[in-house]
């Protein structure tokens, strides 16, 4: 579990730096928004191109992807039903909550977990590809169309095409499928910009915590999203892997561990970008990150691997 703890220390340190920046006001009153915009428009697109260009798209056809998708689908579906009919949330908050209840932190926590707990860095790849290729484009597409709801219908339909995250995903997939290599003169600055995505998102998240009430986790929508993400998603993933697909012990354990990862900070970045569901995203990220250590410990004790 040393790798998991190392990942938590890294995450906590960067969030703490952001909190100090927010408390001292070094970046001014709009610091959080500016950093989040840099992540959304610069860092995240660079990271997506870099990650997808080097990924094996055949992973999309693997059994691990089916298992991952099942856990995501159930958690997301339950969120949509319960949040819409019980909590009466609007469309944009439903979208943000959908990501908060199913989008795993496959990068800054997932990679250390994959390296030190699973001894297999490719274990998080199905989740990363599903999120980058399917969940993110769909969610941001809905949010983009909603932001242009008052304009002409053609403009609403074309709005997602101007989204930098979606464009970067498309470029990365094309590079992966065709095998084209980014020229060195472009690859090096791309690497530098991609390196800003994760720390930038964590710092922006830390800035947002300043002045935030510690009781935000009690909100019904935060509790619902946190329970679905921390408990329901890994439980469904385990059941599908074990009893539906009958994968071996190691594959079942790996899929369950990845599904138990906390909500990614990307969700908060998207919430800030679109100005909706920021409290929901921030508090769910915080709650699921706190819960992940005991949940992973429980999974490691209960499941053979």
C-alpha atoms as a PDB file:
ATOM      1  CA  UNK A   1       0.000   0.000   0.000  1.00  0.00           C
ATOM      2  CA  UNK A   2       3.051   2.305   0.029  1.00  0.00           C
ATOM      3  CA  UNK A   3       2.325   3.360  -3.547  1.00  0.00           C
ATOM      4  CA  UNK A   4      -1.214   4.337  -2.638  1.00  0.00           C
ATOM      5  CA  UNK A   5       0.021   6.358   0.324  1.00  0.00           C
ATOM      6  CA  UNK A   6       2.617   8.062  -1.869  1.00  0.00           C
ATOM      7  CA  UNK A   7      -0.107   9.012  -4.320  1.00  0.00           C
ATOM      8  CA  UNK A   8      -2.230  10.469  -1.511  1.00  0.00           C
ATOM      9  CA  UNK A   9       0.708  12.498  -0.187  1.00  0.00           C
ATOM     10  CA  UNK A  10       1.367  13.976  -3.629  1.00  0.00           C
ATOM     11  CA  UNK A  11      -2.308  14.863  -4.080  1.00  0.00           C
ATOM     12  CA  UNK A  12      -2.639  16.317  -0.579  1.00  0.00           C
ATOM     13  CA  UNK A  13       0.509  18.429  -0.986  1.00  0.00           C
ATOM     14  CA  UNK A  14      -0.662  20.054  -4.221  1.00  0.00           C
ATOM     15  CA  UNK A  15      -4.131  20.685  -2.801  1.00  0.00           C
ATOM     16  CA  UNK A  16      -2.508  22.243   0.275  1.00  0.00           C
ATOM     17  CA  UNK A  17      -0.450  24.547  -1.952  1.00  0.00           C
ATOM     18  CA  UNK A  18      -3.666  25.655  -3.650  1.00  0.00           C
ATOM     19  CA  UNK A  19      -5.350  26.244  -0.309  1.00  0.00           C
ATOM     20  CA  UNK A  20      -2.470  28.446   0.857  1.00  0.00           C
ATOM     21  CA  UNK A  21      -2.658  30.416  -2.391  1.00  0.00           C
ATOM     22  CA  UNK A  22      -6.380  30.900  -1.880  1.00  0.00           C
ATOM     23  CA  UNK A  23      -6.010  31.883   1.767  1.00  0.00           C
ATOM     24  CA  UNK A  24      -3.236  34.395   1.101  1.00  0.00           C
ATOM     25  CA  UNK A  25      -4.912  35.797  -2.007  1.00  0.00           C
ATOM     26  CA  UNK A  26      -1.672  35.685  -3.989  1.00  0.00           C
ATOM     27  CA  UNK A  27      -3.538  35.029  -7.246  1.00  0.00           C
ATOM     28  CA  UNK A  28      -6.305  37.516  -6.566  1.00  0.00           C
ATOM     29  CA  UNK A  29     -10.060  36.888  -6.360  1.00  0.00           C
ATOM     30  CA  UNK A  30     -10.190  35.190  -9.771  1.00  0.00           C
ATOM     31  CA  UNK A  31      -7.172  32.932  -9.249  1.00  0.00           C
ATOM     32  CA  UNK A  32      -9.181  29.710  -9.121  1.00  0.00           C
ATOM     33  CA  UNK A  33     -11.037  30.491 -12.336  1.00  0.00           C
ATOM     34  CA  UNK A  34      -7.840  31.472 -14.187  1.00  0.00           C
ATOM     35  CA  UNK A  35      -5.968  28.314 -13.142  1.00  0.00           C
ATOM     36  CA  UNK A  36      -8.999  26.146 -14.000  1.00  0.00           C
ATOM     37  CA  UNK A  37      -9.260  27.782 -17.418  1.00  0.00           C
ATOM     38  CA  UNK A  38      -5.571  27.127 -18.071  1.00  0.00           C
ATOM     39  CA  UNK A  39      -6.109  23.472 -17.190  1.00  0.00           C
ATOM     40  CA  UNK A  40      -9.239  23.222 -19.348  1.00  0.00           C
ATOM     41  CA  UNK A  41      -7.984  25.057 -22.431  1.00  0.00           C
ATOM     42  CA  UNK A  42      -4.268  24.199 -22.343  1.00  0.00           C
ATOM     43  CA  UNK A  43      -3.194  21.436 -19.958  1.00  0.00           C
ATOM     44  CA  UNK A  44      -6.026  18.937 -20.387  1.00  0.00           C
ATOM     45  CA  UNK A  45      -6.044  19.008 -24.211  1.00  0.00           C
ATOM     46  CA  UNK A  46      -2.271  18.485 -24.281  1.00  0.00           C
ATOM     47  CA  UNK A  47      -2.547  15.586 -21.820  1.00  0.00           C
ATOM     48  CA  UNK A  48      -5.364  13.990 -23.829  1.00  0.00           C
ATOM     49  CA  UNK A  49      -3.406  14.136 -27.083  1.00  0.00           C
ATOM     50  CA  UNK A  50      -0.312  12.763 -25.372  1.00  0.00           C
ATOM     51  CA  UNK A  51      -2.156   9.937 -23.580  1.00  0.00           C
ATOM     52  CA  UNK A  52      -4.445   8.810 -26.388  1.00  0.00           C
ATOM     53  CA  UNK A  53      -1.733   9.026 -29.062  1.00  0.00           C
ATOM     54  CA  UNK A  54       0.315   6.471 -27.145  1.00  0.00           C
ATOM     55  CA  UNK A  55      -2.610   4.235 -26.154  1.00  0.00           C
ATOM     56  CA  UNK A  56      -3.579   0.938 -27.720  1.00  0.00           C
ATOM     57  CA  UNK A  57      -7.141   1.444 -28.953  1.00  0.00           C
ATOM     58  CA  UNK A  58      -7.624  -2.331 -29.018  1.00  0.00           C
ATOM     59  CA  UNK A  59      -7.993  -2.075 -25.242  1.00  0.00           C
ATOM     60  CA  UNK A  60     -11.470  -0.723 -25.992  1.00  0.00           C
ATOM     61  CA  UNK A  61     -12.460  -4.229 -27.057  1.00  0.00           C
ATOM     62  CA  UNK A  62     -11.103  -5.977 -23.954  1.00  0.00           C
ATOM     63  CA  UNK A  63     -13.075  -7.677 -21.204  1.00  0.00           C
ATOM     64  CA  UNK A  64     -11.699  -5.151 -18.714  1.00  0.00           C
ATOM     65  CA  UNK A  65     -13.400  -2.370 -20.629  1.00  0.00           C
ATOM     66  CA  UNK A  66     -16.740  -4.219 -20.495  1.00  0.00           C
ATOM     67  CA  UNK A  67     -16.376  -4.635 -16.737  1.00  0.00           C
ATOM     68  CA  UNK A  68     -15.394  -0.986 -16.284  1.00  0.00           C
ATOM     69  CA  UNK A  69     -18.287   0.200 -18.432  1.00  0.00           C
ATOM     70  CA  UNK A  70     -20.765  -1.894 -16.434  1.00  0.00           C
ATOM     71  CA  UNK A  71     -19.758  -0.279 -13.142  1.00  0.00           C
ATOM     72  CA  UNK A  72     -19.886   3.185 -14.696  1.00  0.00           C
ATOM     73  CA  UNK A  73     -23.268   2.561 -16.328  1.00  0.00           C
ATOM     74  CA  UNK A  74     -24.960   1.399 -13.122  1.00  0.00           C
ATOM     75  CA  UNK A  75     -23.560   4.204 -10.961  1.00  0.00           C
ATOM     76  CA  UNK A  76     -24.375   6.810 -13.591  1.00  0.00           C
ATOM     77  CA  UNK A  77     -27.844   5.394 -14.231  1.00  0.00           C
ATOM     78  CA  UNK A  78     -28.756   5.337 -10.547  1.00  0.00           C
ATOM     79  CA  UNK A  79     -27.530   8.915 -10.204  1.00  0.00           C
ATOM     80  CA  UNK A  80     -29.669  10.133 -13.096  1.00  0.00           C
ATOM     81  CA  UNK A  81     -32.793   8.431 -11.770  1.00  0.00           C
ATOM     82  CA  UNK A  82     -32.406   9.359  -8.094  1.00  0.00           C
ATOM     83  CA  UNK A  83     -31.028  12.867  -8.608  1.00  0.00           C
ATOM     84  CA  UNK A  84     -33.692  13.772 -11.149  1.00  0.00           C
ATOM     85  CA  UNK A  85     -36.775  12.286  -9.522  1.00  0.00           C
ATOM     86  CA  UNK A  86     -35.861  12.543  -5.839  1.00  0.00           C
ATOM     87  CA  UNK A  87     -33.552  15.570  -5.660  1.00  0.00           C
ATOM     88  CA  UNK A  88     -35.089  17.449  -8.608  1.00  0.00           C
ATOM     89  CA  UNK A  89     -31.738  18.634  -9.969  1.00  0.00           C
ATOM     90  CA  UNK A  90     -31.517  20.498 -13.263  1.00  0.00           C
ATOM     91  CA  UNK A  91     -29.945  19.177 -16.451  1.00  0.00           C
ATOM     92  CA  UNK A  92     -26.500  20.753 -16.010  1.00  0.00           C
ATOM     93  CA  UNK A  93     -26.163  19.614 -12.389  1.00  0.00           C
ATOM     94  CA  UNK A  94     -27.257  16.154 -13.490  1.00  0.00           C
ATOM     95  CA  UNK A  95     -24.393  16.111 -15.989  1.00  0.00           C
ATOM     96  CA  UNK A  96     -21.793  17.234 -13.430  1.00  0.00           C
ATOM     97  CA  UNK A  97     -23.154  14.738 -10.893  1.00  0.00           C
ATOM     98  CA  UNK A  98     -23.012  11.966 -13.490  1.00  0.00           C
ATOM     99  CA  UNK A  99     -19.283  12.532 -13.843  1.00  0.00           C
ATOM    100  CA  UNK A 100     -18.794  12.948 -10.089  1.00  0.00           C
ATOM    101  CA  UNK A 101     -20.462   9.597  -9.407  1.00  0.00           C
ATOM    102  CA  UNK A 102     -18.548   7.604 -12.049  1.00  0.00           C
ATOM    103  CA  UNK A 103     -15.362   9.389 -13.216  1.00  0.00           C
ATOM    104  CA  UNK A 104     -12.339   7.742 -11.553  1.00  0.00           C
ATOM    105  CA  UNK A 105      -9.057   9.455 -10.718  1.00  0.00           C
ATOM    106  CA  UNK A 106      -7.037   7.257 -13.040  1.00  0.00           C
ATOM    107  CA  UNK A 107      -4.046   9.587 -13.272  1.00  0.00           C
ATOM    108  CA  UNK A 108      -2.526  10.974 -10.079  1.00  0.00           C
ATOM    109  CA  UNK A 109      -3.958   8.300  -7.758  1.00  0.00           C
ATOM    110  CA  UNK A 110      -4.707   5.553 -10.270  1.00  0.00           C
ATOM    111  CA  UNK A 111      -1.187   5.349 -11.702  1.00  0.00           C
ATOM    112  CA  UNK A 112       0.554   4.893  -8.303  1.00  0.00           C
ATOM    113  CA  UNK A 113      -2.089   2.299  -7.374  1.00  0.00           C
ATOM    114  CA  UNK A 114      -1.548   0.474 -10.664  1.00  0.00           C
ATOM    115  CA  UNK A 115       2.223   0.550 -10.265  1.00  0.00           C
ATOM    116  CA  UNK A 116       2.560  -0.446  -6.615  1.00  0.00           C
ATOM    117  CA  UNK A 117      -0.613  -2.365  -5.781  1.00  0.00           C
ATOM    118  CA  UNK A 118      -1.452  -4.048  -9.088  1.00  0.00           C
ATOM    119  CA  UNK A 119       2.067  -4.087 -10.588  1.00  0.00           C
ATOM    120  CA  UNK A 120       0.475  -3.283 -13.936  1.00  0.00           C
ATOM    121  CA  UNK A 121       0.303   0.270 -15.299  1.00  0.00           C
ATOM    122  CA  UNK A 122      -2.058  -0.821 -18.084  1.00  0.00           C
ATOM    123  CA  UNK A 123      -4.753  -1.701 -15.521  1.00  0.00           C
ATOM    124  CA  UNK A 124      -6.062   1.884 -15.510  1.00  0.00           C
ATOM    125  CA  UNK A 125      -5.999   2.234 -19.301  1.00  0.00           C
ATOM    126  CA  UNK A 126      -9.559   0.935 -19.945  1.00  0.00           C
ATOM    127  CA  UNK A 127     -10.986   3.439 -17.458  1.00  0.00           C
ATOM    128  CA  UNK A 128      -8.913   6.281 -18.896  1.00  0.00           C
ATOM    129  CA  UNK A 129      -9.952   5.509 -22.461  1.00  0.00           C
ATOM    130  CA  UNK A 130     -13.624   5.130 -21.536  1.00  0.00           C
ATOM    131  CA  UNK A 131     -13.561   8.478 -19.764  1.00  0.00           C
ATOM    132  CA  UNK A 132     -11.622  10.310 -22.460  1.00  0.00           C
ATOM    133  CA  UNK A 133     -13.362   8.834 -25.489  1.00  0.00           C
ATOM    134  CA  UNK A 134     -16.946   8.376 -24.235  1.00  0.00           C
ATOM    135  CA  UNK A 135     -17.852  10.076 -20.933  1.00  0.00           C
ATOM    136  CA  UNK A 136     -16.069  13.400 -21.396  1.00  0.00           C
ATOM    137  CA  UNK A 137     -17.237  14.049 -24.978  1.00  0.00           C
ATOM    138  CA  UNK A 138     -20.844  13.171 -24.118  1.00  0.00           C
ATOM    139  CA  UNK A 139     -20.966  15.215 -20.918  1.00  0.00           C
ATOM    140  CA  UNK A 140     -19.240  18.293 -22.311  1.00  0.00           C
ATOM    141  CA  UNK A 141     -21.266  18.028 -25.482  1.00  0.00           C
ATOM    142  CA  UNK A 142     -24.485  18.226 -23.477  1.00  0.00           C
ATOM    143  CA  UNK A 143     -23.158  21.172 -21.468  1.00  0.00           C
ATOM    144  CA  UNK A 144     -22.033  22.983 -24.615  1.00  0.00           C
ATOM    145  CA  UNK A 145     -25.397  22.490 -26.317  1.00  0.00           C
ATOM    146  CA  UNK A 146     -27.152  23.719 -23.174  1.00  0.00           C
ATOM    147  CA  UNK A 147     -25.059  26.904 -23.110  1.00  0.00           C
ATOM    148  CA  UNK A 148     -26.248  27.721 -26.638  1.00  0.00           C
ATOM    149  CA  UNK A 149     -29.881  26.778 -26.072  1.00  0.00           C
ATOM    150  CA  UNK A 150     -31.100  30.209 -27.101  1.00  0.00           C
ATOM    151  CA  UNK A 151     -29.317  30.266 -30.456  1.00  0.00           C
ATOM    152  CA  UNK A 152     -30.047  28.629 -33.806  1.00  0.00           C
ATOM    153  CA  UNK A 153     -30.344  24.851 -33.789  1.00  0.00           C
ATOM    154  CA  UNK A 154     -27.280  24.402 -36.040  1.00  0.00           C
ATOM    155  CA  UNK A 155     -25.178  26.452 -33.628  1.00  0.00           C
ATOM    156  CA  UNK A 156     -26.328  24.290 -30.721  1.00  0.00           C
ATOM    157  CA  UNK A 157     -25.391  21.106 -32.542  1.00  0.00           C
ATOM    158  CA  UNK A 158     -21.976  22.410 -33.620  1.00  0.00           C
ATOM    159  CA  UNK A 159     -21.081  23.894 -30.220  1.00  0.00           C
ATOM    160  CA  UNK A 160     -19.291  20.733 -28.953  1.00  0.00           C
ATOM    161  CA  UNK A 161     -16.963  20.847 -31.969  1.00  0.00           C
ATOM    162  CA  UNK A 162     -15.349  23.997 -30.561  1.00  0.00           C
ATOM    163  CA  UNK A 163     -14.595  22.317 -27.220  1.00  0.00           C
ATOM    164  CA  UNK A 164     -10.793  21.940 -26.762  1.00  0.00           C
ATOM    165  CA  UNK A 165     -11.104  18.749 -24.717  1.00  0.00           C
ATOM    166  CA  UNK A 166     -13.214  17.035 -27.369  1.00  0.00           C
ATOM    167  CA  UNK A 167     -10.988  18.247 -30.197  1.00  0.00           C
ATOM    168  CA  UNK A 168      -7.902  16.984 -28.355  1.00  0.00           C
ATOM    169  CA  UNK A 169      -9.560  13.592 -27.821  1.00  0.00           C
ATOM    170  CA  UNK A 170     -10.286  13.324 -31.535  1.00  0.00           C
ATOM    171  CA  UNK A 171      -6.696  14.242 -32.447  1.00  0.00           C
ATOM    172  CA  UNK A 172      -5.305  11.712 -29.970  1.00  0.00           C
ATOM    173  CA  UNK A 173      -7.503   8.905 -31.293  1.00  0.00           C
ATOM    174  CA  UNK A 174      -6.518   9.685 -34.901  1.00  0.00           C
ATOM    175  CA  UNK A 175      -2.835   9.589 -33.953  1.00  0.00           C
ATOM    176  CA  UNK A 176      -3.311   6.278 -32.144  1.00  0.00           C
ATOM    177  CA  UNK A 177      -5.250   4.614 -34.956  1.00  0.00           C
ATOM    178  CA  UNK A 178      -2.961   5.807 -37.739  1.00  0.00           C
ATOM    179  CA  UNK A 179       0.292   5.365 -35.845  1.00  0.00           C
ATOM    180  CA  UNK A 180       1.433   8.858 -36.737  1.00  0.00           C
ATOM    181  CA  UNK A 181       4.080  10.360 -34.492  1.00  0.00           C
ATOM    182  CA  UNK A 182       4.067  13.957 -33.316  1.00  0.00           C
ATOM    183  CA  UNK A 183       7.245  15.707 -34.556  1.00  0.00           C
ATOM    184  CA  UNK A 184       9.831  16.223 -31.827  1.00  0.00           C
ATOM    185  CA  UNK A 185       9.620  19.998 -32.164  1.00  0.00           C
ATOM    186  CA  UNK A 186       5.925  19.767 -31.200  1.00  0.00           C
ATOM    187  CA  UNK A 187       6.129  16.747 -28.893  1.00  0.00           C
ATOM    188  CA  UNK A 188       8.404  18.442 -26.359  1.00  0.00           C
ATOM    189  CA  UNK A 189       6.237  21.541 -25.764  1.00  0.00           C
ATOM    190  CA  UNK A 190       3.209  19.227 -25.753  1.00  0.00           C
ATOM    191  CA  UNK A 191       4.818  17.214 -22.941  1.00  0.00           C
ATOM    192  CA  UNK A 192       5.483  20.385 -20.958  1.00  0.00           C
ATOM    193  CA  UNK A 193       1.899  21.615 -21.351  1.00  0.00           C
ATOM    194  CA  UNK A 194       0.506  18.155 -20.506  1.00  0.00           C
ATOM    195  CA  UNK A 195       2.534  18.188 -17.296  1.00  0.00           C
ATOM    196  CA  UNK A 196       0.524  21.187 -16.127  1.00  0.00           C
ATOM    197  CA  UNK A 197      -2.873  19.438 -16.309  1.00  0.00           C
ATOM    198  CA  UNK A 198      -2.813  17.327 -13.146  1.00  0.00           C
ATOM    199  CA  UNK A 199      -0.973  19.691 -10.752  1.00  0.00           C
ATOM    200  CA  UNK A 200      -2.959  22.626 -12.118  1.00  0.00           C
ATOM    201  CA  UNK A 201      -6.271  20.870 -11.460  1.00  0.00           C
ATOM    202  CA  UNK A 202      -5.186  19.974  -7.923  1.00  0.00           C
ATOM    203  CA  UNK A 203      -3.995  23.515  -7.146  1.00  0.00           C
ATOM    204  CA  UNK A 204      -7.264  24.982  -8.477  1.00  0.00           C
ATOM    205  CA  UNK A 205      -9.160  22.511  -6.306  1.00  0.00           C
ATOM    206  CA  UNK A 206      -7.129  23.574  -3.268  1.00  0.00           C
ATOM    207  CA  UNK A 207      -7.839  27.257  -3.936  1.00  0.00           C
ATOM    208  CA  UNK A 208     -11.560  26.487  -4.002  1.00  0.00           C
ATOM    209  CA  UNK A 209     -11.427  24.973  -0.507  1.00  0.00           C
ATOM    210  CA  UNK A 210     -10.589  28.304   1.126  1.00  0.00           C
ATOM    211  CA  UNK A 211     -13.688  29.752   2.747  1.00  0.00           C
ATOM    212  CA  UNK A 212     -15.681  26.581   2.068  1.00  0.00           C
ATOM    213  CA  UNK A 213     -17.812  25.208   4.904  1.00  0.00           C
ATOM    214  CA  UNK A 214     -16.687  21.824   6.205  1.00  0.00           C
ATOM    215  CA  UNK A 215     -20.313  20.680   6.207  1.00  0.00           C
ATOM    216  CA  UNK A 216     -20.700  20.642   2.419  1.00  0.00           C
ATOM    217  CA  UNK A 217     -20.453  16.855   2.382  1.00  0.00           C
ATOM    218  CA  UNK A 218     -23.843  16.662   4.103  1.00  0.00           C
ATOM    219  CA  UNK A 219     -25.690  17.902   1.027  1.00  0.00           C
ATOM    220  CA  UNK A 220     -27.974  15.104  -0.304  1.00  0.00           C
ATOM    221  CA  UNK A 221     -26.533  15.291  -3.817  1.00  0.00           C
ATOM    222  CA  UNK A 222     -22.965  15.008  -2.481  1.00  0.00           C
ATOM    223  CA  UNK A 223     -23.841  12.020  -0.307  1.00  0.00           C
ATOM    224  CA  UNK A 224     -25.596  10.305  -3.202  1.00  0.00           C
ATOM    225  CA  UNK A 225     -22.742  10.853  -5.666  1.00  0.00           C
ATOM    226  CA  UNK A 226     -20.141   9.797  -3.069  1.00  0.00           C
ATOM    227  CA  UNK A 227     -21.928   6.570  -2.149  1.00  0.00           C
ATOM    228  CA  UNK A 228     -22.398   5.640  -5.806  1.00  0.00           C
ATOM    229  CA  UNK A 229     -18.753   6.336  -6.610  1.00  0.00           C
ATOM    230  CA  UNK A 230     -17.079   4.851  -3.522  1.00  0.00           C
ATOM    231  CA  UNK A 231     -19.267   1.783  -2.972  1.00  0.00           C
ATOM    232  CA  UNK A 232     -21.765   1.024  -5.741  1.00  0.00           C
ATOM    233  CA  UNK A 233     -19.411   1.320  -8.701  1.00  0.00           C
ATOM    234  CA  UNK A 234     -16.715  -1.034  -7.325  1.00  0.00           C
ATOM    235  CA  UNK A 235     -19.383  -3.476  -6.063  1.00  0.00           C
ATOM    236  CA  UNK A 236     -21.067  -3.703  -9.482  1.00  0.00           C
ATOM    237  CA  UNK A 237     -17.687  -3.976 -11.195  1.00  0.00           C
ATOM    238  CA  UNK A 238     -16.750  -6.889  -8.939  1.00  0.00           C
ATOM    239  CA  UNK A 239     -20.036  -8.720  -9.525  1.00  0.00           C
ATOM    240  CA  UNK A 240     -19.820  -8.390 -13.304  1.00  0.00           C
ATOM    241  CA  UNK A 241     -16.154  -9.416 -13.418  1.00  0.00           C
ATOM    242  CA  UNK A 242     -16.617 -12.369 -11.061  1.00  0.00           C
ATOM    243  CA  UNK A 243     -20.000 -13.809 -11.987  1.00  0.00           C
ATOM    244  CA  UNK A 244     -20.916 -12.480 -15.436  1.00  0.00           C
ATOM    245  CA  UNK A 245     -17.565 -12.622 -17.248  1.00  0.00           C
ATOM    246  CA  UNK A 246     -15.881 -15.068 -14.837  1.00  0.00           C
ATOM    247  CA  UNK A 247     -12.487 -13.377 -15.035  1.00  0.00           C
ATOM    248  CA  UNK A 248      -9.545 -14.754 -13.066  1.00  0.00           C
ATOM    249  CA  UNK A 249      -8.772 -13.519  -9.553  1.00  0.00           C
ATOM    250  CA  UNK A 250      -6.104 -11.046 -10.628  1.00  0.00           C
ATOM    251  CA  UNK A 251      -8.327  -9.454 -13.294  1.00  0.00           C
ATOM    252  CA  UNK A 252     -11.281  -9.209 -10.888  1.00  0.00           C
ATOM    253  CA  UNK A 253      -9.093  -7.595  -8.243  1.00  0.00           C
ATOM    254  CA  UNK A 254      -7.584  -5.103 -10.704  1.00  0.00           C
ATOM    255  CA  UNK A 255     -10.962  -4.054 -12.104  1.00  0.00           C
ATOM    256  CA  UNK A 256     -12.444  -3.614  -8.621  1.00  0.00           C
ATOM    257  CA  UNK A 257      -9.492  -1.559  -7.375  1.00  0.00           C
ATOM    258  CA  UNK A 258      -9.661   0.788 -10.366  1.00  0.00           C
ATOM    259  CA  UNK A 259     -13.421   1.209  -9.927  1.00  0.00           C
ATOM    260  CA  UNK A 260     -12.873   2.116  -6.258  1.00  0.00           C
ATOM    261  CA  UNK A 261     -10.614   5.076  -7.104  1.00  0.00           C
ATOM    262  CA  UNK A 262     -12.020   8.481  -6.051  1.00  0.00           C
ATOM    263  CA  UNK A 263     -13.669  11.050  -8.289  1.00  0.00           C
ATOM    264  CA  UNK A 264     -11.138  12.806 -10.519  1.00  0.00           C
ATOM    265  CA  UNK A 265     -10.341  16.513 -10.145  1.00  0.00           C
ATOM    266  CA  UNK A 266     -11.174  16.890 -13.842  1.00  0.00           C
ATOM    267  CA  UNK A 267     -14.835  16.926 -12.831  1.00  0.00           C
ATOM    268  CA  UNK A 268     -14.282  20.013 -10.713  1.00  0.00           C
ATOM    269  CA  UNK A 269     -12.358  21.651 -13.562  1.00  0.00           C
ATOM    270  CA  UNK A 270     -15.296  21.074 -15.911  1.00  0.00           C
ATOM    271  CA  UNK A 271     -17.751  22.379 -13.299  1.00  0.00           C
ATOM    272  CA  UNK A 272     -15.753  25.603 -12.940  1.00  0.00           C
ATOM    273  CA  UNK A 273     -15.452  25.986 -16.699  1.00  0.00           C
ATOM    274  CA  UNK A 274     -19.223  25.789 -17.201  1.00  0.00           C
ATOM    275  CA  UNK A 275     -20.115  27.542 -13.946  1.00  0.00           C
ATOM    276  CA  UNK A 276     -22.455  24.824 -12.696  1.00  0.00           C
ATOM    277  CA  UNK A 277     -22.329  22.205  -9.922  1.00  0.00           C
ATOM    278  CA  UNK A 278     -19.041  23.465  -8.484  1.00  0.00           C
ATOM    279  CA  UNK A 279     -19.934  22.646  -4.861  1.00  0.00           C
ATOM    280  CA  UNK A 280     -21.212  19.219  -5.875  1.00  0.00           C
ATOM    281  CA  UNK A 281     -18.028  18.412  -7.810  1.00  0.00           C
ATOM    282  CA  UNK A 282     -15.633  19.802  -5.195  1.00  0.00           C
ATOM    283  CA  UNK A 283     -17.260  18.093  -2.209  1.00  0.00           C
ATOM    284  CA  UNK A 284     -17.648  14.748  -3.974  1.00  0.00           C
ATOM    285  CA  UNK A 285     -13.967  14.782  -4.952  1.00  0.00           C
ATOM    286  CA  UNK A 286     -13.061  15.512  -1.335  1.00  0.00           C
ATOM    287  CA  UNK A 287     -15.349  12.878   0.221  1.00  0.00           C
ATOM    288  CA  UNK A 288     -14.383  10.078  -2.180  1.00  0.00           C
ATOM    289  CA  UNK A 289     -10.683  10.874  -1.781  1.00  0.00           C
ATOM    290  CA  UNK A 290     -11.036  10.536   2.007  1.00  0.00           C
ATOM    291  CA  UNK A 291     -12.959   7.268   1.606  1.00  0.00           C
ATOM    292  CA  UNK A 292     -10.647   5.619  -0.910  1.00  0.00           C
ATOM    293  CA  UNK A 293      -7.964   4.488   1.569  1.00  0.00           C
ATOM    294  CA  UNK A 294     -10.303   2.370   3.746  1.00  0.00           C
ATOM    295  CA  UNK A 295     -12.202   1.133   0.670  1.00  0.00           C
ATOM    296  CA  UNK A 296      -9.011  -0.040  -1.066  1.00  0.00           C
ATOM    297  CA  UNK A 297      -7.801  -1.649   2.148  1.00  0.00           C
ATOM    298  CA  UNK A 298     -11.108  -3.539   2.440  1.00  0.00           C
ATOM    299  CA  UNK A 299     -10.907  -4.673  -1.196  1.00  0.00           C
ATOM    300  CA  UNK A 300      -7.322  -5.859  -0.696  1.00  0.00           C
ATOM    301  CA  UNK A 301      -8.322  -7.887   2.373  1.00  0.00           C
ATOM    302  CA  UNK A 302     -11.504  -9.438   0.959  1.00  0.00           C
ATOM    303  CA  UNK A 303     -10.527 -10.277  -2.619  1.00  0.00           C
ATOM    304  CA  UNK A 304      -7.951 -12.910  -3.609  1.00  0.00           C
ATOM    305  CA  UNK A 305      -5.218 -11.646  -5.915  1.00  0.00           C
END
